[in-house]
C-alpha cells in the first residue's frame, strides 16, 4: 500500500495516488496553476500514459515501477531552483540504499541519474512555472525502474528487482524516498545550504577521478571527472585545463574509456 514515510508525514507532506495518469508532472503543475495547490504534495501514478524525460524524451512507464512528482511552491529564490535536482539526487541515492543496502556500484551520475553497475535505474525531470500570484511553483518528477526496465539501444538499464529479489516494491521505495526528500530539503534550507547538499552528492556519486565523456549540443568533452563546483556545474579535467559544464549527456568509467579508445563520436 502506497504511503508517505513517517518523517515526510510529520513534516506536513501529502500525497495523492492516481492509478493511471498521463504525466505526474503535468498533473502536479495543473493543480498548482488551476486548483491553487501549494504543496508540498507528491503525485504518484500507478502507470503513466504520457511520461516525459529530459529534452522531450519519452519515459516508458509500465505498471510496477515508481512514478512520483513532488510539487513545491516558493521553494527558493528562482536562481536557486536548478539545485533541486541535486537535492532530489541525494534523496534518491539515500532511498535506494535503504532498499538495496550499501553497494559500491550504486550511486549517482551527474547531475541526478541513479546507476547500478553502470546501468540506469532512474530518470528525473524538473519543471517550474510562475503562478498568477508571481510565486514560483516547481515540480520534481522521479521515475525509478522497480520491477522492470526498458531495453534501450544507447545505454544499459536495470531495475531494483533484478539487483535484489524482493527489492522491487514501489511502495517501499516511495516511503523511503519521501522521507529522504523531506530531510534533504530541510538540509538545503531553500538554497542557503547548497554546500551541504554538494558534499552529500559528491559522497554518493560514481566515477570521480575516472574517465568521463560529456556530449554537448555542439561538441564532445572528454577528460577526467574532477568534481562539481559550488553551483553544481560539472568540472572535467581536460588536456586544455579544467572545463565547467552546465548541461550535457555523461558517460563514465569503462564506457567513457571505450569511447576514447575507439574514437567514437
Protein backbone atom coordinates (compact mmCIF):
# COMPACT_ATOMS: atom_id res chain seq x y z
CA UNK A 1 0.00 0.00 0.00
CA UNK A 2 1.41 3.39 -1.04
CA UNK A 3 2.04 5.75 1.86
CA UNK A 4 4.37 8.51 2.95
CA UNK A 5 7.31 7.76 5.17
CA UNK A 6 6.94 8.86 8.81
CA UNK A 7 9.41 11.76 8.52
CA UNK A 8 7.59 13.19 5.49
CA UNK A 9 4.18 12.82 7.12
CA UNK A 10 5.40 14.51 10.30
CA UNK A 11 6.66 17.46 8.24
CA UNK A 12 3.27 18.03 6.60
CA UNK A 13 3.84 16.41 3.23
CA UNK A 14 0.83 14.88 1.50
CA UNK A 15 0.40 12.51 -1.42
CA UNK A 16 -2.23 11.62 -3.98
CA UNK A 17 -2.16 8.26 -5.75
CA UNK A 18 -3.62 8.02 -9.26
CA UNK A 19 -3.97 4.52 -10.72
CA UNK A 20 -3.34 5.78 -14.26
CA UNK A 21 -2.14 9.22 -15.28
CA UNK A 22 -0.77 10.87 -18.38
CA UNK A 23 2.15 12.51 -16.55
CA UNK A 24 2.57 13.06 -12.82
CA UNK A 25 4.48 16.27 -13.56
CA UNK A 26 1.65 17.59 -15.73
CA UNK A 27 -0.95 16.81 -13.05
CA UNK A 28 1.10 18.49 -10.33
CA UNK A 29 1.62 21.64 -12.41
CA UNK A 30 -2.08 21.75 -13.36
CA UNK A 31 -3.10 21.55 -9.72
CA UNK A 32 -0.79 24.43 -8.87
CA UNK A 33 -1.99 26.58 -11.76
CA UNK A 34 -5.68 25.77 -11.81
CA UNK A 35 -6.60 24.46 -8.37
CA UNK A 36 -4.44 26.57 -6.10
CA UNK A 37 -2.50 23.60 -4.74
CA UNK A 38 0.57 24.77 -2.85
CA UNK A 39 2.06 21.52 -1.57
CA UNK A 40 4.29 20.03 -0.50
CA UNK A 41 2.37 17.35 -2.39
CA UNK A 42 3.51 14.12 -4.00
CA UNK A 43 1.54 12.95 -7.05
CA UNK A 44 2.15 9.23 -7.59
CA UNK A 45 0.98 7.25 -10.61
CA UNK A 46 0.45 3.51 -10.94
CA UNK A 47 1.31 3.98 -14.60
CA UNK A 48 1.92 6.91 -16.92
CA UNK A 49 0.48 7.02 -20.42
CA UNK A 50 2.45 10.11 -21.47
CA UNK A 51 5.60 10.02 -19.34
CA UNK A 52 8.32 12.53 -20.21
CA UNK A 53 12.05 12.61 -19.69
CA UNK A 54 14.63 15.32 -20.16
CA UNK A 55 14.84 17.13 -23.51
CA UNK A 56 11.41 15.87 -24.56
CA UNK A 57 12.34 12.19 -24.42
CA UNK A 58 9.61 9.63 -23.86
CA UNK A 59 9.79 7.88 -20.46
CA UNK A 60 8.37 4.35 -20.70
CA UNK A 61 6.00 3.95 -17.75
CA UNK A 62 4.50 0.46 -17.28
CA UNK A 63 2.91 -0.71 -14.04
CA UNK A 64 5.16 -1.96 -11.30
CA UNK A 65 7.63 0.94 -11.30
CA UNK A 66 7.61 4.20 -9.35
CA UNK A 67 6.40 7.43 -10.97
CA UNK A 68 6.30 10.23 -8.40
CA UNK A 69 6.32 14.02 -8.62
CA UNK A 70 6.81 16.41 -5.71
CA UNK A 71 5.12 19.81 -6.03
CA UNK A 72 6.68 22.69 -4.10
CA UNK A 73 5.67 26.34 -4.19
CA UNK A 74 8.07 29.13 -3.32
CA UNK A 75 10.79 26.55 -2.52
CA UNK A 76 13.64 29.01 -3.02
CA UNK A 77 14.71 32.11 -4.96
CA UNK A 78 14.31 31.34 -8.66
CA UNK A 79 18.07 31.35 -9.35
CA UNK A 80 18.43 28.50 -6.83
CA UNK A 81 15.77 26.28 -8.43
CA UNK A 82 18.23 24.20 -10.53
CA UNK A 83 19.80 22.99 -7.29
CA UNK A 84 16.62 20.99 -6.61
CA UNK A 85 17.94 18.33 -8.99
CA UNK A 86 20.93 17.71 -6.72
CA UNK A 87 18.70 17.73 -3.63
CA UNK A 88 16.50 15.09 -5.25
CA UNK A 89 19.50 13.08 -6.43
CA UNK A 90 20.87 12.91 -2.88
CA UNK A 91 17.46 11.81 -1.60
CA UNK A 92 17.07 9.15 -4.28
CA UNK A 93 20.51 7.69 -3.60
CA UNK A 94 19.71 7.53 0.11
CA UNK A 95 16.35 5.84 -0.55
CA UNK A 96 17.97 3.27 -2.85
CA UNK A 97 20.45 2.41 -0.10
CA UNK A 98 17.54 1.78 2.26
CA UNK A 99 16.05 -0.67 -0.24
CA UNK A 100 19.22 -2.34 -1.56
CA UNK A 101 21.72 -1.78 1.22
CA UNK A 102 25.06 -0.03 0.64
CA UNK A 103 26.68 -1.16 -2.62
CA UNK A 104 29.87 0.20 -4.16
CA UNK A 105 28.44 0.21 -7.68
CA UNK A 106 25.25 2.06 -6.66
CA UNK A 107 25.37 5.83 -6.96
CA UNK A 108 24.73 9.00 -8.90
CA UNK A 109 25.83 10.10 -12.34
CA UNK A 110 25.84 13.86 -12.88
CA UNK A 111 23.50 15.53 -12.41
CA UNK A 112 20.97 13.11 -10.86
CA UNK A 113 20.70 9.73 -12.62
CA UNK A 114 20.88 6.71 -10.32
CA UNK A 115 23.08 3.89 -11.66
CA UNK A 116 23.89 0.37 -10.56
CA UNK A 117 26.95 -1.29 -12.06
CA UNK A 118 26.84 1.21 -14.93
CA UNK A 119 23.16 0.59 -15.73
CA UNK A 120 20.48 3.26 -15.35
CA UNK A 121 17.86 2.82 -12.63
CA UNK A 122 16.06 6.15 -12.75
CA UNK A 123 15.22 9.34 -14.55
CA UNK A 124 14.34 12.78 -13.28
CA UNK A 125 12.57 15.81 -14.76
CA UNK A 126 12.46 19.22 -13.07
CA UNK A 127 9.97 21.83 -14.27
CA UNK A 128 8.89 25.19 -12.90
CA UNK A 129 6.37 27.91 -13.64
CA UNK A 130 5.32 31.27 -12.30
CA UNK A 131 1.78 31.28 -10.92
CA UNK A 132 -0.53 34.26 -11.44
CA UNK A 133 0.39 35.43 -7.95
CA UNK A 134 4.02 35.58 -9.05
CA UNK A 135 5.01 32.67 -6.80
CA UNK A 136 7.31 30.01 -8.23
CA UNK A 137 5.85 26.51 -8.48
CA UNK A 138 8.43 23.74 -9.00
CA UNK A 139 7.91 20.05 -9.62
CA UNK A 140 10.47 17.27 -9.27
CA UNK A 141 9.43 14.20 -11.25
CA UNK A 142 11.21 10.94 -10.42
CA UNK A 143 10.82 7.65 -12.26
CA UNK A 144 12.52 4.53 -10.91
CA UNK A 145 12.73 1.09 -12.51
CA UNK A 146 11.45 -1.12 -9.70
CA UNK A 147 10.18 -4.35 -11.29
CA UNK A 148 11.08 -3.86 -14.95
CA UNK A 149 13.31 -1.78 -17.18
CA UNK A 150 13.22 -0.78 -20.84
CA UNK A 151 15.63 -2.30 -23.35
CA UNK A 152 17.34 0.76 -24.82
CA UNK A 153 19.89 0.81 -27.64
CA UNK A 154 22.09 3.61 -26.30
CA UNK A 155 22.80 2.56 -22.71
CA UNK A 156 22.29 -0.23 -20.20
CA UNK A 157 19.31 -0.23 -17.85
CA UNK A 158 18.29 -2.32 -14.86
CA UNK A 159 15.70 -2.45 -12.06
CA UNK A 160 15.65 -2.98 -8.30
CA UNK A 161 14.12 -6.46 -8.52
CA UNK A 162 16.87 -7.60 -10.89
CA UNK A 163 19.52 -6.32 -8.47
CA UNK A 164 17.97 -7.99 -5.41
CA UNK A 165 14.96 -10.26 -5.31
CA UNK A 166 12.19 -8.67 -3.26
CA UNK A 167 13.52 -5.11 -3.64
CA UNK A 168 11.19 -4.05 -6.44
CA UNK A 169 8.20 -2.90 -4.41
CA UNK A 170 7.34 0.70 -5.43
CA UNK A 171 5.52 1.44 -2.15
CA UNK A 172 8.60 0.68 -0.06
CA UNK A 173 10.78 2.85 -2.26
CA UNK A 174 8.29 5.73 -2.18
CA UNK A 175 8.15 5.69 1.62
CA UNK A 176 11.95 5.81 1.80
CA UNK A 177 12.16 8.47 -0.92
CA UNK A 178 9.56 10.76 0.63
CA UNK A 179 11.43 10.67 3.95
CA UNK A 180 14.82 11.22 2.34
CA UNK A 181 13.50 14.10 0.23
CA UNK A 182 11.99 15.81 3.25
CA UNK A 183 15.32 15.59 5.07
CA UNK A 184 17.34 16.74 2.06
CA UNK A 185 15.10 19.76 1.50
CA UNK A 186 15.47 20.64 5.17
CA UNK A 187 19.27 20.42 4.85
CA UNK A 188 19.21 22.52 1.66
CA UNK A 189 17.23 25.21 3.53
CA UNK A 190 15.77 26.96 0.47
CA UNK A 191 19.17 27.08 -1.19
CA UNK A 192 21.08 28.67 1.68
CA UNK A 193 22.99 25.44 2.39
CA UNK A 194 23.77 24.02 -1.05
CA UNK A 195 27.33 23.24 0.09
CA UNK A 196 25.96 20.59 2.47
CA UNK A 197 23.99 19.02 -0.39
CA UNK A 198 27.01 19.28 -2.67
CA UNK A 199 29.10 17.31 -0.19
CA UNK A 200 26.40 14.65 0.14
CA UNK A 201 26.13 14.44 -3.65
CA UNK A 202 29.90 14.00 -4.03
CA UNK A 203 29.82 11.24 -1.40
CA UNK A 204 27.10 9.44 -3.40
CA UNK A 205 28.44 9.95 -6.93
CA UNK A 206 30.18 7.43 -9.16
CA UNK A 207 33.31 7.73 -11.27
CA UNK A 208 35.04 10.62 -9.57
CA UNK A 209 38.68 10.71 -10.62
CA UNK A 210 38.00 8.46 -13.62
CA UNK A 211 37.38 9.00 -17.33
CA UNK A 212 34.31 10.94 -18.39
CA UNK A 213 32.77 11.85 -21.72
CA UNK A 214 30.18 14.62 -21.98
CA UNK A 215 28.15 15.15 -25.14
CA UNK A 216 27.05 18.76 -25.60
CA UNK A 217 24.82 20.10 -28.35
CA UNK A 218 27.79 21.35 -30.37
CA UNK A 219 30.76 19.23 -29.24
CA UNK A 220 32.06 16.43 -27.03
CA UNK A 221 34.28 16.99 -23.99
CA UNK A 222 36.49 14.15 -22.74
CA UNK A 223 38.74 14.00 -19.72
CA UNK A 224 38.69 13.15 -16.02
CA UNK A 225 35.72 13.74 -13.70
CA UNK A 226 37.06 16.12 -11.05
CA UNK A 227 34.13 17.49 -9.02
CA UNK A 228 31.06 19.72 -9.12
CA UNK A 229 31.52 23.37 -8.30
CA UNK A 230 29.53 25.43 -5.75
CA UNK A 231 26.84 25.98 -8.40
CA UNK A 232 26.51 22.31 -9.34
CA UNK A 233 28.42 22.61 -12.62
CA UNK A 234 30.41 19.56 -13.65
CA UNK A 235 34.18 20.10 -13.66
CA UNK A 236 36.12 17.99 -16.16
CA UNK A 237 39.92 17.99 -16.31
CA UNK A 238 40.91 18.08 -19.98
CA UNK A 239 44.30 18.42 -21.69
CA UNK A 240 43.48 22.12 -22.06
CA UNK A 241 42.68 22.55 -18.36
CA UNK A 242 39.55 22.39 -16.18
CA UNK A 243 36.25 22.82 -18.06
CA UNK A 244 32.93 23.62 -16.37
CA UNK A 245 29.74 22.20 -17.88
CA UNK A 246 26.17 23.32 -17.20
CA UNK A 247 24.34 20.56 -19.10
CA UNK A 248 25.18 17.50 -21.18
CA UNK A 249 24.88 13.72 -21.54
CA UNK A 250 27.51 11.92 -19.48
CA UNK A 251 29.31 8.60 -19.88
CA UNK A 252 31.52 7.38 -17.03
CA UNK A 253 34.31 4.93 -16.38
CA UNK A 254 34.80 1.95 -18.70
CA UNK A 255 32.13 3.15 -21.12
CA UNK A 256 33.78 6.56 -21.47
CA UNK A 257 37.18 4.86 -21.76
CA UNK A 258 35.87 2.64 -24.55
CA UNK A 259 34.66 5.68 -26.46
CA UNK A 260 38.05 7.30 -26.00
CA UNK A 261 39.84 4.15 -27.19
CA UNK A 262 37.56 3.54 -30.18
CA UNK A 263 37.35 7.19 -31.20
CA UNK A 264 33.55 7.15 -31.16
CA UNK A 265 31.71 10.42 -31.51
